[in-house]
Amino acid sequence: MSTQKTAILLYFSGIISLLSGVLLLVTGNFIIEITNISLLIAAVVSGVIGFFMSKKIKLAFWAGLIFMSIMVFYFGWLTIVNSNSLVDMLLNGELQLEPYNALHGQLHLTLFSFLAFIMSIIVLMLQFIRADANGRELVS
């Protein structure tokens, strides 16, 4: 039963990433950025790992931990890059030329990458909490 909870956790993580990627695409006037691609790839990979977790394949649990660890670092880096671009935009006065479009796009990228960063941290922590119970269930 514990392994199913971890698989469901990865499924919900994938669903949230997928919805975030699509919402970012829609609000960004269908301009594909690296944040969109990252969210959509994270959604697909989370779904695949969750599927293999539901089949109780031992390597899937290690893959889930490693994948979410990579996602924490990646989305953290992406949040820092997007935040720096937003601050540079504010300091250089670029908002006076196109106030709505520039701020709108960069702010959405920053917020969605930060959402993915926080979600990755929560999912990784929950996976570590469930790791002992998963291990005991897979051994027996």
C-alpha atoms as a PDB file:
ATOM      1  CA  MET A   1       0.000   0.000   0.000  1.00  0.00           C
ATOM      2  CA  SER A   2       2.870   2.349   0.726  1.00  0.00           C
ATOM      3  CA  THR A   3       4.261   1.974  -2.770  1.00  0.00           C
ATOM      4  CA  GLN A   4       0.908   2.971  -4.243  1.00  0.00           C
ATOM      5  CA  LYS A   5       0.940   6.208  -2.231  1.00  0.00           C
ATOM      6  CA  THR A   6       4.335   7.092  -3.649  1.00  0.00           C
ATOM      7  CA  ALA A   7       3.170   6.296  -7.186  1.00  0.00           C
ATOM      8  CA  ILE A   8       0.103   8.509  -6.702  1.00  0.00           C
ATOM      9  CA  LEU A   9       2.385  11.272  -5.416  1.00  0.00           C
ATOM     10  CA  LEU A  10       4.388  11.120  -8.652  1.00  0.00           C
ATOM     11  CA  TYR A  11       1.194  11.060 -10.730  1.00  0.00           C
ATOM     12  CA  PHE A  12      -0.108  14.206  -9.023  1.00  0.00           C
ATOM     13  CA  SER A  13       3.279  15.859  -9.423  1.00  0.00           C
ATOM     14  CA  GLY A  14       3.132  15.085 -13.145  1.00  0.00           C
ATOM     15  CA  ILE A  15      -0.428  16.384 -13.435  1.00  0.00           C
ATOM     16  CA  ILE A  16       0.466  19.643 -11.698  1.00  0.00           C
ATOM     17  CA  SER A  17       3.539  20.042 -13.941  1.00  0.00           C
ATOM     18  CA  LEU A  18       1.460  19.352 -17.035  1.00  0.00           C
ATOM     19  CA  LEU A  19      -1.255  21.824 -16.062  1.00  0.00           C
ATOM     20  CA  SER A  20       1.358  24.434 -15.149  1.00  0.00           C
ATOM     21  CA  GLY A  21       3.121  23.988 -18.488  1.00  0.00           C
ATOM     22  CA  VAL A  22      -0.112  24.297 -20.449  1.00  0.00           C
ATOM     23  CA  LEU A  23      -1.286  27.283 -18.395  1.00  0.00           C
ATOM     24  CA  LEU A  24       2.060  29.006 -18.903  1.00  0.00           C
ATOM     25  CA  LEU A  25       1.814  28.329 -22.619  1.00  0.00           C
ATOM     26  CA  VAL A  26      -1.686  29.816 -22.789  1.00  0.00           C
ATOM     27  CA  THR A  27      -0.895  32.885 -20.678  1.00  0.00           C
ATOM     28  CA  GLY A  28       2.350  33.462 -22.585  1.00  0.00           C
ATOM     29  CA  ASN A  29       0.552  33.879 -25.927  1.00  0.00           C
ATOM     30  CA  PHE A  30       1.680  30.401 -27.040  1.00  0.00           C
ATOM     31  CA  ILE A  31       5.354  31.326 -27.006  1.00  0.00           C
ATOM     32  CA  ILE A  32       7.388  28.263 -26.067  1.00  0.00           C
ATOM     33  CA  GLU A  33      10.082  28.993 -23.488  1.00  0.00           C
ATOM     34  CA  ILE A  34      12.490  26.663 -21.720  1.00  0.00           C
ATOM     35  CA  THR A  35      10.238  26.723 -18.652  1.00  0.00           C
ATOM     36  CA  ASN A  36       7.334  25.321 -20.716  1.00  0.00           C
ATOM     37  CA  ILE A  37       9.456  22.557 -22.140  1.00  0.00           C
ATOM     38  CA  SER A  38      10.883  21.723 -18.709  1.00  0.00           C
ATOM     39  CA  LEU A  39       7.454  21.492 -17.105  1.00  0.00           C
ATOM     40  CA  LEU A  40       6.074  19.305 -19.876  1.00  0.00           C
ATOM     41  CA  ILE A  41       9.079  16.966 -19.847  1.00  0.00           C
ATOM     42  CA  ALA A  42       8.910  16.750 -16.040  1.00  0.00           C
ATOM     43  CA  ALA A  43       5.225  15.833 -16.316  1.00  0.00           C
ATOM     44  CA  VAL A  44       5.874  13.014 -18.779  1.00  0.00           C
ATOM     45  CA  VAL A  45       8.825  11.607 -16.845  1.00  0.00           C
ATOM     46  CA  SER A  46       6.895  11.781 -13.546  1.00  0.00           C
ATOM     47  CA  GLY A  47       4.029   9.892 -15.132  1.00  0.00           C
ATOM     48  CA  VAL A  48       6.318   7.190 -16.509  1.00  0.00           C
ATOM     49  CA  ILE A  49       8.138   6.760 -13.192  1.00  0.00           C
ATOM     50  CA  GLY A  50       4.796   6.696 -11.360  1.00  0.00           C
ATOM     51  CA  PHE A  51       3.573   3.972 -13.712  1.00  0.00           C
ATOM     52  CA  PHE A  52       6.591   1.797 -13.007  1.00  0.00           C
ATOM     53  CA  MET A  53       6.221   2.470  -9.285  1.00  0.00           C
ATOM     54  CA  SER A  54       2.652   1.201  -9.429  1.00  0.00           C
ATOM     55  CA  LYS A  55       4.033  -2.027 -10.964  1.00  0.00           C
ATOM     56  CA  LYS A  56       6.364  -2.254  -7.894  1.00  0.00           C
ATOM     57  CA  ILE A  57       9.594  -2.173  -9.873  1.00  0.00           C
ATOM     58  CA  LYS A  58      12.382  -1.448  -7.385  1.00  0.00           C
ATOM     59  CA  LEU A  59      14.468   0.689  -9.723  1.00  0.00           C
ATOM     60  CA  ALA A  60      11.524   3.039 -10.257  1.00  0.00           C
ATOM     61  CA  PHE A  61      11.711   4.190  -6.638  1.00  0.00           C
ATOM     62  CA  TRP A  62      15.395   5.029  -7.021  1.00  0.00           C
ATOM     63  CA  ALA A  63      14.641   6.720 -10.332  1.00  0.00           C
ATOM     64  CA  GLY A  64      11.929   8.797  -8.630  1.00  0.00           C
ATOM     65  CA  LEU A  65      14.314   9.967  -5.914  1.00  0.00           C
ATOM     66  CA  ILE A  66      17.077  10.780  -8.391  1.00  0.00           C
ATOM     67  CA  PHE A  67      14.711  12.499 -10.832  1.00  0.00           C
ATOM     68  CA  MET A  68      13.136  14.705  -8.162  1.00  0.00           C
ATOM     69  CA  SER A  69      16.587  15.575  -6.782  1.00  0.00           C
ATOM     70  CA  ILE A  70      17.630  16.706 -10.248  1.00  0.00           C
ATOM     71  CA  MET A  71      14.374  18.654 -10.627  1.00  0.00           C
ATOM     72  CA  VAL A  72      14.974  20.495  -7.339  1.00  0.00           C
ATOM     73  CA  PHE A  73      18.364  21.709  -8.544  1.00  0.00           C
ATOM     74  CA  TYR A  74      17.184  22.410 -12.091  1.00  0.00           C
ATOM     75  CA  PHE A  75      14.055  24.366 -11.189  1.00  0.00           C
ATOM     76  CA  GLY A  76      15.990  26.187  -8.464  1.00  0.00           C
ATOM     77  CA  TRP A  77      18.553  27.268 -11.057  1.00  0.00           C
ATOM     78  CA  LEU A  78      15.786  28.200 -13.504  1.00  0.00           C
ATOM     79  CA  THR A  79      14.046  30.286 -10.841  1.00  0.00           C
ATOM     80  CA  ILE A  80      17.272  32.162 -10.127  1.00  0.00           C
ATOM     81  CA  VAL A  81      17.869  32.820 -13.842  1.00  0.00           C
ATOM     82  CA  ASN A  82      14.299  34.039 -14.399  1.00  0.00           C
ATOM     83  CA  SER A  83      14.400  36.185 -11.260  1.00  0.00           C
ATOM     84  CA  ASN A  84      17.673  37.788 -12.368  1.00  0.00           C
ATOM     85  CA  SER A  85      16.160  38.568 -15.767  1.00  0.00           C
ATOM     86  CA  LEU A  86      13.122  40.117 -14.085  1.00  0.00           C
ATOM     87  CA  VAL A  87      15.276  42.262 -11.788  1.00  0.00           C
ATOM     88  CA  ASP A  88      17.476  43.359 -14.717  1.00  0.00           C
ATOM     89  CA  MET A  89      14.370  44.292 -16.635  1.00  0.00           C
ATOM     90  CA  LEU A  90      13.103  46.380 -13.736  1.00  0.00           C
ATOM     91  CA  LEU A  91      16.458  48.097 -13.124  1.00  0.00           C
ATOM     92  CA  ASN A  92      17.187  48.893 -16.779  1.00  0.00           C
ATOM     93  CA  GLY A  93      13.876  50.627 -17.302  1.00  0.00           C
ATOM     94  CA  GLU A  94      12.768  48.300 -20.090  1.00  0.00           C
ATOM     95  CA  LEU A  95       9.259  48.359 -18.714  1.00  0.00           C
ATOM     96  CA  GLN A  96       8.732  51.925 -19.919  1.00  0.00           C
ATOM     97  CA  LEU A  97       8.851  50.794 -23.551  1.00  0.00           C
ATOM     98  CA  GLU A  98       6.502  47.808 -23.260  1.00  0.00           C
ATOM     99  CA  PRO A  99       5.170  47.838 -19.726  1.00  0.00           C
ATOM    100  CA  TYR A 100       2.608  45.056 -19.915  1.00  0.00           C
ATOM    101  CA  ASN A 101       4.119  42.524 -22.312  1.00  0.00           C
ATOM    102  CA  ALA A 102       7.634  42.443 -20.881  1.00  0.00           C
ATOM    103  CA  LEU A 103       6.610  42.258 -17.245  1.00  0.00           C
ATOM    104  CA  HIS A 104       3.779  39.848 -17.987  1.00  0.00           C
ATOM    105  CA  GLY A 105       5.965  37.305 -19.733  1.00  0.00           C
ATOM    106  CA  GLN A 106       8.930  37.417 -17.381  1.00  0.00           C
ATOM    107  CA  LEU A 107       6.788  37.414 -14.253  1.00  0.00           C
ATOM    108  CA  HIS A 108       4.893  34.345 -15.446  1.00  0.00           C
ATOM    109  CA  LEU A 109       8.133  32.507 -16.188  1.00  0.00           C
ATOM    110  CA  THR A 110       9.492  33.362 -12.742  1.00  0.00           C
ATOM    111  CA  LEU A 111       6.326  32.359 -10.891  1.00  0.00           C
ATOM    112  CA  PHE A 112       5.842  29.068 -12.704  1.00  0.00           C
ATOM    113  CA  SER A 113       9.484  28.048 -12.328  1.00  0.00           C
ATOM    114  CA  PHE A 114       9.232  28.911  -8.612  1.00  0.00           C
ATOM    115  CA  LEU A 115       6.035  26.828  -8.344  1.00  0.00           C
ATOM    116  CA  ALA A 116       7.817  23.877  -9.946  1.00  0.00           C
ATOM    117  CA  PHE A 117      10.785  24.369  -7.598  1.00  0.00           C
ATOM    118  CA  ILE A 118       8.572  24.314  -4.488  1.00  0.00           C
ATOM    119  CA  MET A 119       6.595  21.335  -5.806  1.00  0.00           C
ATOM    120  CA  SER A 120       9.820  19.411  -6.487  1.00  0.00           C
ATOM    121  CA  ILE A 121      11.058  20.071  -2.953  1.00  0.00           C
ATOM    122  CA  ILE A 122       7.776  18.857  -1.420  1.00  0.00           C
ATOM    123  CA  VAL A 123       7.627  15.721  -3.573  1.00  0.00           C
ATOM    124  CA  LEU A 124      11.270  14.894  -2.843  1.00  0.00           C
ATOM    125  CA  MET A 125      10.755  15.307   0.909  1.00  0.00           C
ATOM    126  CA  LEU A 126       7.655  13.103   0.821  1.00  0.00           C
ATOM    127  CA  GLN A 127       9.519  10.468  -1.168  1.00  0.00           C
ATOM    128  CA  PHE A 128      12.291  10.414   1.430  1.00  0.00           C
ATOM    129  CA  ILE A 129       9.704  10.093   4.199  1.00  0.00           C
ATOM    130  CA  ARG A 130       8.027   7.161   2.396  1.00  0.00           C
ATOM    131  CA  ALA A 131      11.318   5.476   1.411  1.00  0.00           C
ATOM    132  CA  ASP A 132      11.596   3.271   4.512  1.00  0.00           C
ATOM    133  CA  ALA A 133       8.023   1.981   4.234  1.00  0.00           C
ATOM    134  CA  ASN A 134       8.470   1.403   0.496  1.00  0.00           C
ATOM    135  CA  GLY A 135      11.641  -0.580   1.109  1.00  0.00           C
ATOM    136  CA  ARG A 136       9.986  -2.788   3.710  1.00  0.00           C
ATOM    137  CA  GLU A 137       7.027  -3.427   1.401  1.00  0.00           C
ATOM    138  CA  LEU A 138       9.185  -4.289  -1.610  1.00  0.00           C
ATOM    139  CA  VAL A 139      11.355  -6.725   0.376  1.00  0.00           C
ATOM    140  CA  SER A 140       8.437  -8.708   1.773  1.00  0.00           C
END
